[in-house]
Amino acid sequence: MRKTWIAAVMLLCFGFEQMASGSTSSQPKTVKKNLDKAQVIQKYSCAKGDAWFYEGGKLSRCTLAQDTKIGSATVPAGSLIGLLPDGTLSTAMMLRPVTINGALCDGGGLLGPSEGATTSFYPSGKLKSCFLKNDQTIGGVPCGKGGIVKATLGHEYAVEFYETGKLKSCGLAMDYGGKKKGEQVQLAK
């Protein structure tokens, strides 16, 4: 029963990772390799253990061996990062909650970052979306904390940002602007 639950959570996480990065079913194939020691691959310090590579050898995903500044975030060691085929950061499953551009993005889980919430980034490295650790006011809007299971059931939403850093949408932590708590609010650019 527990293995089935863990598999379901991992599938939800993988599905959100694809949605967050704008991917479709035509994802490039990846190959899993086991790293016998921590090593720097394409400027990322990958930890010993499993890493995934695109056909042709470019890094797709790995667990970070050390805290790493990537775009607008400092991604903590032990976090699982996902890269686009050109090597830019697409997603991160943070080991622990991390503040990025003022938003406290959730991370971690009972089984580590692979069970945690996915944070997505624009190719520029700026924050695209995350699930908040706690209710938080962003740009004057009371945004609610979220989680991948709640989001897939339609109860809570990820907080989304425009590439400029301005809030794009969130699920409300309280009634606001004619909308009820829990509803999603969309903001103009």
Foldseek 3Di string as FASTA:
>chain_A
DVVVVVVVLLVLQVVVLCVQLVHDPPDADKDKDFACAFDQAPNFTAGGGIFIAGVVGHGAKGFGQAFPDAQQFGAGGRKMFGADNVGHTFKIQGQAFGAGLNAGAGHADPVGSSSGWIWGADSNSHTFWGFGPAFDQAPNAGAGGDGSVCVVVLQWDIFGADSVRHTAKTAHCADDDNDGHRDMDGDDD
